[in-house]
Amino acid sequence: MPSFIYSRCMRFFSALLIGGVAVSLCLSSFAQTSDSGTQAAQQPTGQTSAGAAAQAPGAPLKLENLPPDPHTPTPEELAARQAEQQRAQIVRVAAAQANWGPKTSAPGMALAMKEMARTKTASGTQITYRLMGTGFPAGATLTLLRWPLNQNVTPVMDGIVLDASGMAVCAAPPANAGTEAPAATAPSAIACAKTMQVNAPVEVTTKAAKGEAVRVALAGADKKSGAAASAVPFPLAAENKGCKLQVLLGSKDAELVLIEGDGLKQGEAFTMGSETFGVKGTLVAKPDAQGHLVTALTPYMQGHDSGDTVIFYQSDTCTPTVSFHWGNGSYKAE
């Protein structure tokens, strides 16, 4: 069975990314494992690992057989290497966020977030969700995971089961609870029975900024089953003639954003790009057969700590345009 994303959490990049980098995303499922990991190459029999020709016993060492001196990277090479590493990290984070949901979930399993209430507070609107699951093994004990912006995927509560209606509720603790030593690698999640009544619905309460997705998941104890879901309580979106553009925060202060399009026509000629401080850039993405596309952008520009970016899509069918603010201190819960 494919492995559900559980411990493969990625630390969010901390360096300030400058230059308006746009990346296209490969939307492969994070519910699949890869067997293409890097492996050490094996040396053929009779060859030295240093690359020099094998010498007969007692043969004089020849200078031309010595390995080359190690190259010391120049400052330019180091900068280029760092930029490429940052770009790769952006792609990994953005692709994981774009895939969060059905693509992340194990086959046959699904999770939905049901909004229950919104309450205005001095620090923002508090939103409450309950979780509904389908396709999970009967009686499976589950762990609630959260993925807040600028953080790793984190287990927050275990001891959860689905009731007859599919709602996530707190299960009664096992009879031998507390008699076994916890495993050294066990996730640091609180048992729900310590803070909740048995059979009480599990609720996720949170606050969010415009364009922020609330990402949750329920994972099985085998770490091979589970489902993920997300909700955007305050969409940052625009529509035109049935076409929709939406901006999702990939980080606080919009260091990274995802740009999603829906209702678009596959194969239609179009132009899609961004504009910041009068500088235009092209966004490379194509709608799929369902009219959906997704790409990512780091809007920061050198010499500016904050600003506004406009995302536009232009075709003969529609011309949706959406803008967002980014920069130091721009993150604010609604």
Protein backbone atom coordinates (compact mmCIF):
# COMPACT_ATOMS: atom_id res chain seq x y z
CA MET A 1 0.00 0.00 0.00
CA PRO A 2 1.40 3.47 -0.82
CA SER A 3 2.85 5.34 2.13
CA PHE A 4 0.81 8.28 3.39
CA ILE A 5 2.83 11.43 3.98
CA TYR A 6 3.55 11.45 7.73
CA SER A 7 7.17 11.94 8.65
CA ARG A 8 8.35 13.33 5.31
CA CYS A 9 7.84 16.89 6.53
CA MET A 10 9.89 19.68 4.97
CA ARG A 11 11.40 22.56 6.88
CA PHE A 12 10.29 25.80 5.28
CA PHE A 13 13.04 27.82 3.66
CA SER A 14 14.18 30.61 5.94
CA ALA A 15 16.26 32.71 3.54
CA LEU A 16 14.60 35.78 2.07
CA LEU A 17 13.96 34.98 -1.57
CA ILE A 18 14.41 37.90 -3.90
CA GLY A 19 13.84 38.33 -7.59
CA GLY A 20 10.31 37.23 -8.36
CA VAL A 21 11.11 33.58 -9.02
CA ALA A 22 8.34 31.62 -10.75
CA VAL A 23 8.39 27.84 -10.75
CA SER A 24 6.23 25.21 -12.41
CA LEU A 25 5.12 22.30 -10.25
CA CYS A 26 5.18 18.59 -10.90
CA LEU A 27 2.03 17.41 -9.18
CA SER A 28 3.03 13.84 -8.36
CA SER A 29 1.27 12.17 -5.44
CA PHE A 30 2.89 12.38 -2.04
CA ALA A 31 1.07 9.15 -1.25
CA GLN A 32 3.62 7.34 -3.38
CA THR A 33 7.12 6.32 -2.38
CA SER A 34 10.12 6.71 -4.64
CA ASP A 35 12.71 4.02 -5.28
CA SER A 36 14.99 6.39 -7.17
CA GLY A 37 17.09 7.48 -4.21
CA THR A 38 20.75 8.28 -4.75
CA GLN A 39 22.98 5.25 -4.37
CA ALA A 40 26.75 5.01 -4.12
CA ALA A 41 28.33 3.86 -7.37
CA GLN A 42 30.27 0.60 -7.22
CA GLN A 43 33.79 0.47 -8.61
CA PRO A 44 34.60 -2.25 -11.17
CA THR A 45 37.12 -4.86 -10.02
CA GLY A 46 40.69 -3.73 -10.49
CA GLN A 47 40.04 0.04 -10.36
CA THR A 48 40.93 2.39 -7.53
CA SER A 49 38.24 4.52 -5.94
CA ALA A 50 40.35 7.65 -6.43
CA GLY A 51 40.26 7.27 -10.19
CA ALA A 52 44.02 6.68 -10.65
CA ALA A 53 45.26 3.65 -12.59
CA ALA A 54 46.19 0.66 -10.42
CA GLN A 55 49.96 0.37 -9.90
CA ALA A 56 51.88 -2.89 -9.73
CA PRO A 57 53.55 -3.54 -6.35
CA GLY A 58 56.73 -1.53 -6.12
CA ALA A 59 56.03 0.55 -9.23
CA PRO A 60 57.03 4.23 -8.92
CA LEU A 61 54.18 6.67 -8.39
CA LYS A 62 53.66 8.83 -11.47
CA LEU A 63 52.47 12.42 -11.14
CA GLU A 64 50.01 12.06 -14.01
CA ASN A 65 48.20 9.36 -12.00
CA LEU A 66 47.49 11.64 -9.03
CA PRO A 67 43.90 12.84 -8.57
CA PRO A 68 43.36 16.50 -9.50
CA ASP A 69 43.53 19.18 -6.82
CA PRO A 70 40.13 19.91 -5.32
CA HIS A 71 38.51 22.99 -6.85
CA THR A 72 37.69 25.84 -4.51
CA PRO A 73 34.36 27.35 -5.62
CA THR A 74 34.43 31.04 -6.48
CA PRO A 75 31.99 33.42 -4.74
CA GLU A 76 29.94 33.47 -7.94
CA GLU A 77 29.78 29.67 -8.04
CA LEU A 78 28.77 29.54 -4.37
CA ALA A 79 26.01 32.10 -4.98
CA ALA A 80 24.73 30.16 -7.99
CA ARG A 81 24.77 26.92 -6.01
CA GLN A 82 22.86 28.53 -3.13
CA ALA A 83 20.29 29.99 -5.54
CA GLU A 84 19.72 26.57 -7.12
CA GLN A 85 19.30 24.95 -3.68
CA GLN A 86 16.77 27.62 -2.71
CA ARG A 87 14.88 27.11 -5.95
CA ALA A 88 14.75 23.35 -5.40
CA GLN A 89 13.47 23.90 -1.86
CA ILE A 90 10.77 26.28 -3.12
CA VAL A 91 9.62 23.68 -5.64
CA ARG A 92 9.42 20.95 -2.98
CA VAL A 93 7.41 23.08 -0.56
CA ALA A 94 5.12 24.48 -3.26
CA ALA A 95 4.45 21.05 -4.79
CA ALA A 96 3.66 19.56 -1.38
CA GLN A 97 1.19 22.36 -0.67
CA ALA A 98 -0.41 22.09 -4.10
CA ASN A 99 -0.81 18.32 -3.70
CA TRP A 100 -2.26 18.49 -0.18
CA GLY A 101 -5.68 16.86 -0.31
CA PRO A 102 -6.88 14.05 -2.59
CA LYS A 103 -3.43 13.70 -4.24
CA THR A 104 -1.83 13.22 -0.83
CA SER A 105 -4.48 10.79 0.45
CA ALA A 106 -4.16 7.02 0.30
CA PRO A 107 -6.25 5.32 -2.42
CA GLY A 108 -9.92 5.08 -1.50
CA MET A 109 -9.64 7.42 1.49
CA ALA A 110 -10.94 10.98 1.70
CA LEU A 111 -11.25 13.69 4.32
CA ALA A 112 -13.55 16.73 4.41
CA MET A 113 -13.57 19.79 6.67
CA LYS A 114 -17.02 20.93 7.82
CA GLU A 115 -17.13 24.51 9.06
CA MET A 116 -19.17 24.79 12.25
CA ALA A 117 -18.75 28.37 13.48
CA ARG A 118 -17.01 31.72 13.06
CA THR A 119 -16.44 34.01 16.03
CA LYS A 120 -14.99 37.50 15.85
CA THR A 121 -12.17 38.19 18.31
CA ALA A 122 -9.76 41.07 18.85
CA SER A 123 -6.98 39.11 17.11
CA GLY A 124 -9.06 37.82 14.20
CA THR A 125 -11.91 35.51 13.30
CA GLN A 126 -11.82 32.16 15.07
CA ILE A 127 -13.09 29.37 12.82
CA THR A 128 -14.13 25.89 13.96
CA TYR A 129 -14.08 22.80 11.75
CA ARG A 130 -15.11 19.19 12.25
CA LEU A 131 -13.61 16.38 10.20
CA MET A 132 -15.49 13.79 8.13
CA GLY A 133 -13.68 10.78 6.70
CA THR A 134 -14.55 8.04 4.23
CA GLY A 135 -12.77 4.88 3.18
CA PHE A 136 -10.79 4.48 6.42
CA PRO A 137 -10.41 0.95 7.89
CA ALA A 138 -13.16 0.23 10.41
CA GLY A 139 -12.05 0.95 13.97
CA ALA A 140 -8.70 2.41 12.89
CA THR A 141 -7.03 4.66 15.46
CA LEU A 142 -5.95 7.91 13.83
CA THR A 143 -3.68 10.87 14.50
CA LEU A 144 -4.62 14.45 13.63
CA LEU A 145 -1.92 16.34 11.69
CA ARG A 146 -1.72 20.08 11.03
CA TRP A 147 0.47 21.98 8.55
CA PRO A 148 0.61 25.67 9.56
CA LEU A 149 2.44 28.20 7.41
CA ASN A 150 6.23 28.37 7.95
CA GLN A 151 6.19 25.13 9.94
CA ASN A 152 6.52 21.40 9.39
CA VAL A 153 3.61 18.97 9.29
CA THR A 154 2.96 18.32 12.99
CA PRO A 155 1.00 15.59 14.82
CA VAL A 156 -1.23 17.28 17.39
CA MET A 157 -3.67 14.67 18.71
CA ASP A 158 -4.03 10.88 18.59
CA GLY A 159 -6.56 8.34 19.82
CA ILE A 160 -9.10 9.45 17.19
CA VAL A 161 -11.63 7.18 15.45
CA LEU A 162 -14.47 7.72 12.99
CA ASP A 163 -18.00 7.13 14.25
CA ALA A 164 -20.81 5.54 12.25
CA SER A 165 -21.42 8.81 10.36
CA GLY A 166 -17.74 9.20 9.46
CA MET A 167 -17.13 12.03 11.91
CA ALA A 168 -13.78 12.12 13.73
CA VAL A 169 -14.36 11.62 17.46
CA CYS A 170 -12.25 10.88 20.52
CA ALA A 171 -11.98 7.16 21.25
CA ALA A 172 -11.90 5.58 24.68
CA PRO A 173 -8.30 4.89 25.73
CA PRO A 174 -7.26 1.22 25.61
CA ALA A 175 -7.42 -0.77 28.84
CA ASN A 176 -3.62 -0.99 29.03
CA ALA A 177 -3.04 2.71 28.33
CA GLY A 178 0.00 3.97 30.16
CA THR A 179 1.44 0.53 30.93
CA GLU A 180 3.76 0.43 27.92
CA ALA A 181 6.77 2.65 27.43
CA PRO A 182 6.33 4.93 24.43
CA ALA A 183 8.47 4.19 21.42
CA ALA A 184 11.49 6.41 20.94
CA THR A 185 10.22 7.47 17.53
CA ALA A 186 6.59 8.01 18.55
CA PRO A 187 5.15 11.36 17.40
CA SER A 188 4.60 14.00 20.06
CA ALA A 189 0.80 14.05 19.86
CA ILE A 190 -1.53 14.49 22.83
CA ALA A 191 -3.98 11.65 23.45
CA CYS A 192 -7.42 13.16 22.88
CA ALA A 193 -8.87 11.43 25.98
CA LYS A 194 -6.66 13.65 28.17
CA THR A 195 -8.48 16.80 27.10
CA MET A 196 -11.80 15.61 25.62
CA GLN A 197 -14.79 13.51 26.49
CA VAL A 198 -14.99 10.08 24.88
CA ASN A 199 -17.03 10.18 21.63
CA ALA A 200 -16.87 14.00 21.54
CA PRO A 201 -16.28 15.39 18.01
CA VAL A 202 -12.72 16.42 17.24
CA GLU A 203 -12.69 20.12 16.38
CA VAL A 204 -10.01 22.18 14.70
CA THR A 205 -10.07 25.84 15.71
CA THR A 206 -7.90 28.34 13.89
CA LYS A 207 -7.51 31.85 12.51
CA ALA A 208 -6.40 32.65 8.99
CA ALA A 209 -5.34 35.47 6.72
CA LYS A 210 -6.67 36.18 3.25
CA GLY A 211 -5.52 33.45 0.91
CA GLU A 212 -4.39 31.15 3.72
CA ALA A 213 -5.30 27.46 3.46
CA VAL A 214 -5.99 25.52 6.67
CA ARG A 215 -4.36 22.10 6.08
CA VAL A 216 -5.20 19.03 8.17
CA ALA A 217 -4.92 15.26 7.84
CA LEU A 218 -5.86 12.06 9.64
CA ALA A 219 -3.15 9.39 9.54
CA GLY A 220 -3.29 5.75 10.55
CA ALA A 221 -0.93 4.21 13.07
CA ASP A 222 0.71 2.19 10.28
CA LYS A 223 1.76 5.46 8.61
CA LYS A 224 0.61 3.96 5.32
CA SER A 225 -3.01 5.09 5.37
CA GLY A 226 -4.68 8.42 5.79
CA ALA A 227 -6.23 11.37 4.04
CA ALA A 228 -5.62 15.11 3.89
CA ALA A 229 -7.88 18.10 3.34
CA SER A 230 -7.70 21.88 3.27
CA ALA A 231 -10.06 24.83 3.48
CA VAL A 232 -9.59 28.49 2.55
CA PRO A 233 -11.84 30.52 4.86
CA PHE A 234 -10.96 33.88 3.25
CA PRO A 235 -10.29 33.31 -0.46
CA LEU A 236 -8.05 35.72 -2.35
CA ALA A 237 -9.61 35.18 -5.77
CA ALA A 238 -11.22 36.80 -8.80
CA GLU A 239 -13.53 35.49 -11.52
CA ASN A 240 -14.29 36.57 -15.07
CA LYS A 241 -16.69 34.83 -17.46
CA GLY A 242 -16.44 31.53 -15.62
CA CYS A 243 -12.65 31.61 -15.22
CA LYS A 244 -11.14 31.88 -11.74
CA LEU A 245 -7.71 32.84 -10.41
CA GLN A 246 -6.84 32.23 -6.77
CA VAL A 247 -3.75 33.14 -4.76
CA LEU A 248 -2.82 30.90 -1.82
CA LEU A 249 -0.22 31.87 0.74
CA GLY A 250 2.72 29.48 0.72
CA SER A 251 4.28 31.32 3.64
CA LYS A 252 3.53 34.16 5.98
CA ASP A 253 4.16 37.59 4.47
CA ALA A 254 3.72 35.91 1.05
CA GLU A 255 7.38 35.03 0.56
CA LEU A 256 5.90 32.23 -1.53
CA VAL A 257 2.44 32.02 -3.10
CA LEU A 258 0.60 29.39 -5.10
CA ILE A 259 -1.49 30.56 -8.03
CA GLU A 260 -4.40 28.33 -9.07
CA GLY A 261 -6.66 28.67 -12.05
CA ASP A 262 -10.01 26.94 -12.63
CA GLY A 263 -12.63 26.96 -15.37
CA LEU A 264 -9.95 27.46 -18.03
CA LYS A 265 -9.93 25.87 -21.48
CA GLN A 266 -7.26 23.32 -22.24
CA GLY A 267 -5.45 24.02 -25.51
CA GLU A 268 -6.64 27.64 -25.76
CA ALA A 269 -4.04 30.28 -26.50
CA PHE A 270 -3.49 32.51 -23.46
CA THR A 271 -1.04 34.75 -21.65
CA MET A 272 -0.45 34.42 -17.92
CA GLY A 273 1.91 36.49 -15.86
CA SER A 274 2.61 38.78 -12.94
CA GLU A 275 3.41 42.47 -12.54
CA THR A 276 5.22 44.05 -9.59
CA PHE A 277 6.40 47.67 -9.53
CA GLY A 278 5.77 47.82 -13.29
CA VAL A 279 7.97 44.79 -13.98
CA LYS A 280 6.15 41.98 -15.78
CA GLY A 281 7.01 38.31 -15.63
CA THR A 282 5.65 35.20 -17.32
CA LEU A 283 4.03 32.38 -15.35
CA VAL A 284 4.55 29.03 -17.01
CA ALA A 285 1.58 26.69 -16.48
CA LYS A 286 -1.05 25.03 -18.65
CA PRO A 287 -4.62 24.02 -17.80
CA ASP A 288 -5.27 20.30 -17.57
CA ALA A 289 -8.26 18.48 -19.01
CA GLN A 290 -10.37 19.69 -16.05
CA GLY A 291 -9.44 23.33 -16.70
CA HIS A 292 -7.19 23.53 -13.64
CA LEU A 293 -3.65 24.87 -13.42
CA VAL A 294 -1.25 25.65 -10.60
CA THR A 295 2.10 27.37 -10.39
CA ALA A 296 4.15 29.19 -7.75
CA LEU A 297 5.81 32.57 -7.37
CA THR A 298 8.17 34.36 -4.98
CA PRO A 299 7.18 38.01 -5.50
CA TYR A 300 10.01 39.74 -3.62
CA MET A 301 12.06 42.24 -5.61
CA GLN A 302 15.47 43.60 -4.73
CA GLY A 303 15.30 47.00 -3.11
CA HIS A 304 11.76 46.53 -1.84
CA ASP A 305 10.61 45.19 1.54
CA SER A 306 6.96 45.06 0.52
CA GLY A 307 4.70 45.65 -2.41
CA ASP A 308 1.71 44.55 -4.45
CA THR A 309 1.68 41.98 -7.23
CA VAL A 310 -0.98 41.56 -9.90
CA ILE A 311 -1.61 38.13 -11.43
CA PHE A 312 -3.34 38.15 -14.83
CA TYR A 313 -4.70 35.58 -17.26
CA GLN A 314 -5.71 36.72 -20.73
CA SER A 315 -7.42 34.65 -23.42
CA ASP A 316 -10.23 35.07 -25.93
CA THR A 317 -12.56 33.45 -23.39
CA CYS A 318 -11.79 35.34 -20.18
CA THR A 319 -9.45 37.77 -18.44
CA PRO A 320 -9.43 37.21 -14.65
CA THR A 321 -7.03 39.35 -12.60
CA VAL A 322 -6.19 39.12 -8.90
CA SER A 323 -3.74 41.11 -6.77
CA PHE A 324 -2.14 40.54 -3.38
CA HIS A 325 0.07 42.38 -0.92
CA TRP A 326 3.38 40.94 0.25
CA GLY A 327 6.28 41.95 2.44
CA ASN A 328 7.38 42.45 6.02
CA GLY A 329 4.41 42.44 8.39
CA SER A 330 1.84 41.89 5.64
CA TYR A 331 0.44 38.71 7.24
CA LYS A 332 -2.71 39.50 9.22
CA ALA A 333 -5.52 37.24 10.40
CA GLU A 334 -8.93 38.36 9.18
